[in-house]
Amino acid sequence: MALMITDECINCDVCEPECPNDAISPGEEIYIINPNLCTECVGHFDEPQCQQVCPVDCIPLDPARKETQQQLLEKYRIITAA
């Protein structure tokens, strides 16, 4: 699954630089995650880095974007052209 940022986001700016795929960007009111670029850090790290640094724990899995580990790894390969 891709991750999503909920409205509990406090715009602290710590998640954006941690994303290896540049999937996180400022939205109108809170940060947003582009699901087409989010691989949950598969291919880069063992755990999603944005979740690790978020001080308010507002980055859950997006239930509307169910993806298997294999699908996330394939997306990683396409994004990085690896």
PDB file of N, CA and C in Angstrom:
ATOM      1  N   MET A   1       0.824  -1.182   0.000  1.00  0.00           N
ATOM      2  CA  MET A   1       0.000   0.000   0.000  1.00  0.00           C
ATOM      3  C   MET A   1       0.869   1.245   0.000  1.00  0.00           C
ATOM      4  N   ALA A   2       0.410   2.241  -0.646  1.00  0.00           N
ATOM      5  CA  ALA A   2       1.058   3.542  -0.516  1.00  0.00           C
ATOM      6  C   ALA A   2       0.680   4.103   0.852  1.00  0.00           C
ATOM      7  N   LEU A   3       1.438   5.056   1.292  1.00  0.00           N
ATOM      8  CA  LEU A   3       1.145   5.724   2.553  1.00  0.00           C
ATOM      9  C   LEU A   3       0.342   6.988   2.265  1.00  0.00           C
ATOM     10  N   MET A   4      -0.257   7.527   3.304  1.00  0.00           N
ATOM     11  CA  MET A   4      -1.005   8.775   3.175  1.00  0.00           C
ATOM     12  C   MET A   4      -0.738   9.614   4.413  1.00  0.00           C
ATOM     13  N   ILE A   5      -0.934  10.914   4.314  1.00  0.00           N
ATOM     14  CA  ILE A   5      -0.773  11.809   5.449  1.00  0.00           C
ATOM     15  C   ILE A   5      -2.158  12.295   5.845  1.00  0.00           C
ATOM     16  N   THR A   6      -2.473  12.134   7.120  1.00  0.00           N
ATOM     17  CA  THR A   6      -3.802  12.517   7.601  1.00  0.00           C
ATOM     18  C   THR A   6      -3.828  13.986   8.032  1.00  0.00           C
ATOM     19  N   ASP A   7      -5.016  14.458   8.346  1.00  0.00           N
ATOM     20  CA  ASP A   7      -5.161  15.863   8.717  1.00  0.00           C
ATOM     21  C   ASP A   7      -4.591  16.187  10.101  1.00  0.00           C
ATOM     22  N   GLU A   8      -4.033  15.206  10.784  1.00  0.00           N
ATOM     23  CA  GLU A   8      -3.316  15.482  12.032  1.00  0.00           C
ATOM     24  C   GLU A   8      -1.936  16.082  11.764  1.00  0.00           C
ATOM     25  N   CYS A   9      -1.524  16.133  10.499  1.00  0.00           N
ATOM     26  CA  CYS A   9      -0.224  16.676  10.104  1.00  0.00           C
ATOM     27  C   CYS A   9      -0.074  18.098  10.652  1.00  0.00           C
ATOM     28  N   ILE A  10       1.097  18.369  11.241  1.00  0.00           N
ATOM     29  CA  ILE A  10       1.368  19.693  11.802  1.00  0.00           C
ATOM     30  C   ILE A  10       2.345  20.498  10.935  1.00  0.00           C
ATOM     31  N   ASN A  11       2.598  20.017   9.724  1.00  0.00           N
ATOM     32  CA  ASN A  11       3.491  20.715   8.787  1.00  0.00           C
ATOM     33  C   ASN A  11       4.861  21.000   9.392  1.00  0.00           C
ATOM     34  N   CYS A  12       5.429  20.000  10.033  1.00  0.00           N
ATOM     35  CA  CYS A  12       6.715  20.190  10.707  1.00  0.00           C
ATOM     36  C   CYS A  12       7.902  20.080   9.747  1.00  0.00           C
ATOM     37  N   ASP A  13       7.666  19.634   8.534  1.00  0.00           N
ATOM     38  CA  ASP A  13       8.691  19.567   7.489  1.00  0.00           C
ATOM     39  C   ASP A  13       9.731  18.464   7.665  1.00  0.00           C
ATOM     40  N   VAL A  14       9.534  17.522   8.569  1.00  0.00           N
ATOM     41  CA  VAL A  14      10.564  16.495   8.743  1.00  0.00           C
ATOM     42  C   VAL A  14      10.418  15.314   7.787  1.00  0.00           C
ATOM     43  N   CYS A  15       9.232  15.056   7.291  1.00  0.00           N
ATOM     44  CA  CYS A  15       9.032  13.886   6.426  1.00  0.00           C
ATOM     45  C   CYS A  15       9.529  14.096   5.000  1.00  0.00           C
ATOM     46  N   GLU A  16       9.321  15.259   4.460  1.00  0.00           N
ATOM     47  CA  GLU A  16       9.635  15.506   3.044  1.00  0.00           C
ATOM     48  C   GLU A  16      11.074  15.151   2.676  1.00  0.00           C
ATOM     49  N   PRO A  17      12.086  15.619   3.403  1.00  0.00           N
ATOM     50  CA  PRO A  17      13.460  15.293   3.001  1.00  0.00           C
ATOM     51  C   PRO A  17      13.842  13.832   3.228  1.00  0.00           C
ATOM     52  N   GLU A  18      13.046  13.097   4.000  1.00  0.00           N
ATOM     53  CA  GLU A  18      13.358  11.692   4.283  1.00  0.00           C
ATOM     54  C   GLU A  18      12.912  10.751   3.174  1.00  0.00           C
ATOM     55  N   CYS A  19      12.020  11.196   2.302  1.00  0.00           N
ATOM     56  CA  CYS A  19      11.473  10.328   1.255  1.00  0.00           C
ATOM     57  C   CYS A  19      12.475  10.136   0.127  1.00  0.00           C
ATOM     58  N   PRO A  20      12.937   8.904  -0.099  1.00  0.00           N
ATOM     59  CA  PRO A  20      13.923   8.662  -1.151  1.00  0.00           C
ATOM     60  C   PRO A  20      13.355   8.780  -2.564  1.00  0.00           C
ATOM     61  N   ASN A  21      12.031   8.766  -2.692  1.00  0.00           N
ATOM     62  CA  ASN A  21      11.386   8.846  -4.008  1.00  0.00           C
ATOM     63  C   ASN A  21      10.792  10.210  -4.301  1.00  0.00           C
ATOM     64  N   ASP A  22      10.999  11.169  -3.421  1.00  0.00           N
ATOM     65  CA  ASP A  22      10.408  12.502  -3.570  1.00  0.00           C
ATOM     66  C   ASP A  22       8.896  12.440  -3.735  1.00  0.00           C
ATOM     67  N   ALA A  23       8.267  11.531  -2.999  1.00  0.00           N
ATOM     68  CA  ALA A  23       6.817  11.365  -3.084  1.00  0.00           C
ATOM     69  C   ALA A  23       6.062  12.341  -2.189  1.00  0.00           C
ATOM     70  N   ILE A  24       6.752  12.987  -1.246  1.00  0.00           N
ATOM     71  CA  ILE A  24       6.097  13.882  -0.294  1.00  0.00           C
ATOM     72  C   ILE A  24       6.332  15.331  -0.691  1.00  0.00           C
ATOM     73  N   SER A  25       5.256  16.097  -0.677  1.00  0.00           N
ATOM     74  CA  SER A  25       5.365  17.512  -1.027  1.00  0.00           C
ATOM     75  C   SER A  25       4.333  18.311  -0.229  1.00  0.00           C
ATOM     76  N   PRO A  26       4.545  19.628  -0.114  1.00  0.00           N
ATOM     77  CA  PRO A  26       3.561  20.447   0.585  1.00  0.00           C
ATOM     78  C   PRO A  26       2.252  20.491  -0.202  1.00  0.00           C
ATOM     79  N   GLY A  27       1.153  20.311   0.500  1.00  0.00           N
ATOM     80  CA  GLY A  27      -0.153  20.441  -0.117  1.00  0.00           C
ATOM     81  C   GLY A  27      -0.733  21.796   0.237  1.00  0.00           C
ATOM     82  N   GLU A  28      -2.008  21.963  -0.018  1.00  0.00           N
ATOM     83  CA  GLU A  28      -2.659  23.234   0.302  1.00  0.00           C
ATOM     84  C   GLU A  28      -2.650  23.520   1.794  1.00  0.00           C
ATOM     85  N   GLU A  29      -2.958  22.500   2.587  1.00  0.00           N
ATOM     86  CA  GLU A  29      -3.014  22.692   4.036  1.00  0.00           C
ATOM     87  C   GLU A  29      -2.020  21.824   4.789  1.00  0.00           C
ATOM     88  N   ILE A  30      -1.777  20.617   4.297  1.00  0.00           N
ATOM     89  CA  ILE A  30      -0.850  19.689   4.933  1.00  0.00           C
ATOM     90  C   ILE A  30       0.017  19.053   3.849  1.00  0.00           C
ATOM     91  N   TYR A  31       1.033  18.336   4.276  1.00  0.00           N
ATOM     92  CA  TYR A  31       1.853  17.614   3.309  1.00  0.00           C
ATOM     93  C   TYR A  31       1.037  16.495   2.685  1.00  0.00           C
ATOM     94  N   ILE A  32       1.390  16.133   1.467  1.00  0.00           N
ATOM     95  CA  ILE A  32       0.697  15.064   0.757  1.00  0.00           C
ATOM     96  C   ILE A  32       1.716  14.070   0.209  1.00  0.00           C
ATOM     97  N   ILE A  33       1.250  12.863  -0.048  1.00  0.00           N
ATOM     98  CA  ILE A  33       2.087  11.824  -0.629  1.00  0.00           C
ATOM     99  C   ILE A  33       1.515  11.447  -1.982  1.00  0.00           C
ATOM    100  N   ASN A  34       2.375  11.480  -3.002  1.00  0.00           N
ATOM    101  CA  ASN A  34       1.971  11.036  -4.330  1.00  0.00           C
ATOM    102  C   ASN A  34       2.010   9.506  -4.323  1.00  0.00           C
ATOM    103  N   PRO A  35       0.852   8.842  -4.397  1.00  0.00           N
ATOM    104  CA  PRO A  35       0.827   7.382  -4.315  1.00  0.00           C
ATOM    105  C   PRO A  35       1.549   6.698  -5.473  1.00  0.00           C
ATOM    106  N   ASN A  36       1.711   7.399  -6.579  1.00  0.00           N
ATOM    107  CA  ASN A  36       2.420   6.820  -7.712  1.00  0.00           C
ATOM    108  C   ASN A  36       3.926   6.762  -7.491  1.00  0.00           C
ATOM    109  N   LEU A  37       4.408   7.530  -6.505  1.00  0.00           N
ATOM    110  CA  LEU A  37       5.836   7.528  -6.192  1.00  0.00           C
ATOM    111  C   LEU A  37       6.150   6.843  -4.863  1.00  0.00           C
ATOM    112  N   CYS A  38       5.143   6.599  -4.055  1.00  0.00           N
ATOM    113  CA  CYS A  38       5.370   6.003  -2.740  1.00  0.00           C
ATOM    114  C   CYS A  38       5.536   4.492  -2.863  1.00  0.00           C
ATOM    115  N   THR A  39       6.668   3.993  -2.377  1.00  0.00           N
ATOM    116  CA  THR A  39       6.925   2.560  -2.338  1.00  0.00           C
ATOM    117  C   THR A  39       7.056   2.056  -0.903  1.00  0.00           C
ATOM    118  N   GLU A  40       6.650   2.879   0.065  1.00  0.00           N
ATOM    119  CA  GLU A  40       6.839   2.561   1.479  1.00  0.00           C
ATOM    120  C   GLU A  40       8.323   2.321   1.762  1.00  0.00           C
ATOM    121  N   CYS A  41       9.170   2.927   0.978  1.00  0.00           N
ATOM    122  CA  CYS A  41      10.633   2.817   1.072  1.00  0.00           C
ATOM    123  C   CYS A  41      11.155   1.440   0.672  1.00  0.00           C
ATOM    124  N   VAL A  42      10.288   0.590   0.104  1.00  0.00           N
ATOM    125  CA  VAL A  42      10.749  -0.705  -0.403  1.00  0.00           C
ATOM    126  C   VAL A  42      11.818  -0.440  -1.455  1.00  0.00           C
ATOM    127  N   GLY A  43      12.913  -1.170  -1.354  1.00  0.00           N
ATOM    128  CA  GLY A  43      14.035  -0.979  -2.269  1.00  0.00           C
ATOM    129  C   GLY A  43      15.088  -0.039  -1.716  1.00  0.00           C
ATOM    130  N   HIS A  44      14.704   0.782  -0.753  1.00  0.00           N
ATOM    131  CA  HIS A  44      15.629   1.737  -0.146  1.00  0.00           C
ATOM    132  C   HIS A  44      15.936   1.381   1.314  1.00  0.00           C
ATOM    133  N   PHE A  45      14.876   1.157   2.099  1.00  0.00           N
ATOM    134  CA  PHE A  45      15.006   0.935   3.535  1.00  0.00           C
ATOM    135  C   PHE A  45      14.065  -0.180   3.981  1.00  0.00           C
ATOM    136  N   ASP A  46      14.269  -0.685   5.191  1.00  0.00           N
ATOM    137  CA  ASP A  46      13.411  -1.733   5.732  1.00  0.00           C
ATOM    138  C   ASP A  46      12.059  -1.212   6.202  1.00  0.00           C
ATOM    139  N   GLU A  47      12.002   0.071   6.560  1.00  0.00           N
ATOM    140  CA  GLU A  47      10.766   0.676   7.049  1.00  0.00           C
ATOM    141  C   GLU A  47      10.576   2.043   6.411  1.00  0.00           C
ATOM    142  N   PRO A  48       9.323   2.484   6.254  1.00  0.00           N
ATOM    143  CA  PRO A  48       9.075   3.819   5.709  1.00  0.00           C
ATOM    144  C   PRO A  48       9.730   4.891   6.567  1.00  0.00           C
ATOM    145  N   GLN A  49      10.593   5.656   5.969  1.00  0.00           N
ATOM    146  CA  GLN A  49      11.343   6.667   6.707  1.00  0.00           C
ATOM    147  C   GLN A  49      10.467   7.814   7.198  1.00  0.00           C
ATOM    148  N   CYS A  50       9.455   8.174   6.442  1.00  0.00           N
ATOM    149  CA  CYS A  50       8.568   9.255   6.873  1.00  0.00           C
ATOM    150  C   CYS A  50       7.852   8.885   8.160  1.00  0.00           C
ATOM    151  N   GLN A  51       7.422   7.621   8.269  1.00  0.00           N
ATOM    152  CA  GLN A  51       6.763   7.177   9.491  1.00  0.00           C
ATOM    153  C   GLN A  51       7.726   7.220  10.674  1.00  0.00           C
ATOM    154  N   GLN A  52       8.979   6.925  10.431  1.00  0.00           N
ATOM    155  CA  GLN A  52       9.968   6.887  11.500  1.00  0.00           C
ATOM    156  C   GLN A  52      10.216   8.269  12.108  1.00  0.00           C
ATOM    157  N   VAL A  53      10.138   9.309  11.287  1.00  0.00           N
ATOM    158  CA  VAL A  53      10.456  10.652  11.782  1.00  0.00           C
ATOM    159  C   VAL A  53       9.234  11.484  12.156  1.00  0.00           C
ATOM    160  N   CYS A  54       8.057  11.051  11.797  1.00  0.00           N
ATOM    161  CA  CYS A  54       6.842  11.835  12.061  1.00  0.00           C
ATOM    162  C   CYS A  54       6.575  11.937  13.561  1.00  0.00           C
ATOM    163  N   PRO A  55       6.551  13.156  14.101  1.00  0.00           N
ATOM    164  CA  PRO A  55       6.348  13.312  15.549  1.00  0.00           C
ATOM    165  C   PRO A  55       4.900  13.130  16.004  1.00  0.00           C
ATOM    166  N   VAL A  56       3.947  13.140  15.071  1.00  0.00           N
ATOM    167  CA  VAL A  56       2.542  12.997  15.467  1.00  0.00           C
ATOM    168  C   VAL A  56       1.901  11.714  14.935  1.00  0.00           C
ATOM    169  N   ASP A  57       2.696  10.853  14.323  1.00  0.00           N
ATOM    170  CA  ASP A  57       2.203   9.562  13.854  1.00  0.00           C
ATOM    171  C   ASP A  57       0.972   9.697  12.953  1.00  0.00           C
ATOM    172  N   CYS A  58       1.106  10.530  11.922  1.00  0.00           N
ATOM    173  CA  CYS A  58      -0.042  10.795  11.043  1.00  0.00           C
ATOM    174  C   CYS A  58       0.168  10.249   9.623  1.00  0.00           C
ATOM    175  N   ILE A  59       0.999   9.201   9.489  1.00  0.00           N
ATOM    176  CA  ILE A  59       1.269   8.661   8.157  1.00  0.00           C
ATOM    177  C   ILE A  59       0.953   7.155   8.136  1.00  0.00           C
ATOM    178  N   PRO A  60      -0.329   6.812   8.028  1.00  0.00           N
ATOM    179  CA  PRO A  60      -0.719   5.402   7.962  1.00  0.00           C
ATOM    180  C   PRO A  60      -0.709   4.882   6.521  1.00  0.00           C
ATOM    181  N   LEU A  61      -0.963   3.592   6.397  1.00  0.00           N
ATOM    182  CA  LEU A  61      -1.168   3.008   5.080  1.00  0.00           C
ATOM    183  C   LEU A  61      -2.470   3.542   4.508  1.00  0.00           C
ATOM    184  N   ASP A  62      -2.486   3.744   3.210  1.00  0.00           N
ATOM    185  CA  ASP A  62      -3.688   4.231   2.533  1.00  0.00           C
ATOM    186  C   ASP A  62      -4.538   3.022   2.144  1.00  0.00           C
ATOM    187  N   PRO A  63      -5.679   2.813   2.786  1.00  0.00           N
ATOM    188  CA  PRO A  63      -6.496   1.634   2.482  1.00  0.00           C
ATOM    189  C   PRO A  63      -7.038   1.620   1.054  1.00  0.00           C
ATOM    190  N   ALA A  64      -7.043   2.744   0.397  1.00  0.00           N
ATOM    191  CA  ALA A  64      -7.516   2.814  -0.984  1.00  0.00           C
ATOM    192  C   ALA A  64      -6.436   2.407  -1.989  1.00  0.00           C
ATOM    193  N   ARG A  65      -5.196   2.205  -1.524  1.00  0.00           N
ATOM    194  CA  ARG A  65      -4.069   1.900  -2.421  1.00  0.00           C
ATOM    195  C   ARG A  65      -3.370   0.629  -1.980  1.00  0.00           C
ATOM    196  N   LYS A  66      -4.059  -0.491  -2.025  1.00  0.00           N
ATOM    197  CA  LYS A  66      -3.473  -1.756  -1.604  1.00  0.00           C
ATOM    198  C   LYS A  66      -2.475  -2.248  -2.651  1.00  0.00           C
ATOM    199  N   GLU A  67      -1.249  -2.512  -2.184  1.00  0.00           N
ATOM    200  CA  GLU A  67      -0.196  -3.016  -3.056  1.00  0.00           C
ATOM    201  C   GLU A  67       0.600  -4.069  -2.292  1.00  0.00           C
ATOM    202  N   THR A  68       1.024  -5.100  -2.993  1.00  0.00           N
ATOM    203  CA  THR A  68       1.851  -6.135  -2.382  1.00  0.00           C
ATOM    204  C   THR A  68       3.304  -5.668  -2.348  1.00  0.00           C
ATOM    205  N   GLN A  69       4.118  -6.385  -1.590  1.00  0.00           N
ATOM    206  CA  GLN A  69       5.547  -6.083  -1.553  1.00  0.00           C
ATOM    207  C   GLN A  69       6.141  -6.165  -2.961  1.00  0.00           C
ATOM    208  N   GLN A  70       5.688  -7.145  -3.732  1.00  0.00           N
ATOM    209  CA  GLN A  70       6.192  -7.306  -5.102  1.00  0.00           C
ATOM    210  C   GLN A  70       5.800  -6.115  -5.969  1.00  0.00           C
ATOM    211  N   GLN A  71       4.577  -5.627  -5.828  1.00  0.00           N
ATOM    212  CA  GLN A  71       4.146  -4.459  -6.590  1.00  0.00           C
ATOM    213  C   GLN A  71       4.944  -3.217  -6.180  1.00  0.00           C
ATOM    214  N   LEU A  72       5.204  -3.075  -4.893  1.00  0.00           N
ATOM    215  CA  LEU A  72       6.006  -1.942  -4.422  1.00  0.00           C
ATOM    216  C   LEU A  72       7.434  -2.031  -4.951  1.00  0.00           C
ATOM    217  N   LEU A  73       7.995  -3.238  -4.977  1.00  0.00           N
ATOM    218  CA  LEU A  73       9.345  -3.418  -5.502  1.00  0.00           C
ATOM    219  C   LEU A  73       9.390  -3.119  -6.997  1.00  0.00           C
ATOM    220  N   GLU A  74       8.372  -3.513  -7.726  1.00  0.00           N
ATOM    221  CA  GLU A  74       8.314  -3.211  -9.164  1.00  0.00           C
ATOM    222  C   GLU A  74       8.198  -1.703  -9.391  1.00  0.00           C
ATOM    223  N   LYS A  75       7.385  -1.039  -8.577  1.00  0.00           N
ATOM    224  CA  LYS A  75       7.267   0.417  -8.677  1.00  0.00           C
ATOM    225  C   LYS A  75       8.613   1.074  -8.390  1.00  0.00           C
ATOM    226  N   TYR A  76       9.322   0.577  -7.374  1.00  0.00           N
ATOM    227  CA  TYR A  76      10.669   1.074  -7.052  1.00  0.00           C
ATOM    228  C   TYR A  76      11.591   0.950  -8.263  1.00  0.00           C
ATOM    229  N   ARG A  77      11.548  -0.207  -8.904  1.00  0.00           N
ATOM    230  CA  ARG A  77      12.424  -0.428 -10.073  1.00  0.00           C
ATOM    231  C   ARG A  77      12.100   0.522 -11.218  1.00  0.00           C
ATOM    232  N   ILE A  78      10.832   0.787 -11.422  1.00  0.00           N
ATOM    233  CA  ILE A  78      10.433   1.727 -12.477  1.00  0.00           C
ATOM    234  C   ILE A  78      10.880   3.148 -12.127  1.00  0.00           C
ATOM    235  N   ILE A  79      10.648   3.546 -10.892  1.00  0.00           N
ATOM    236  CA  ILE A  79      10.996   4.900 -10.454  1.00  0.00           C
ATOM    237  C   ILE A  79      12.495   5.136 -10.550  1.00  0.00           C
ATOM    238  N   THR A  80      13.268   4.148 -10.122  1.00  0.00           N
ATOM    239  CA  THR A  80      14.726   4.319 -10.081  1.00  0.00           C
ATOM    240  C   THR A  80      15.411   3.814 -11.340  1.00  0.00           C
ATOM    241  N   ALA A  81      14.637   3.211 -12.228  1.00  0.00           N
ATOM    242  CA  ALA A  81      15.174   2.609 -13.464  1.00  0.00           C
ATOM    243  C   ALA A  81      16.287   1.633 -13.134  1.00  0.00           C
ATOM    244  N   ALA A  82      16.074   0.875 -12.059  1.00  0.00           N
ATOM    245  CA  ALA A  82      17.071  -0.124 -11.621  1.00  0.00           C
ATOM    246  C   ALA A  82      16.783  -1.479 -12.231  1.00  0.00           C
TER     247      ALA A  82
END
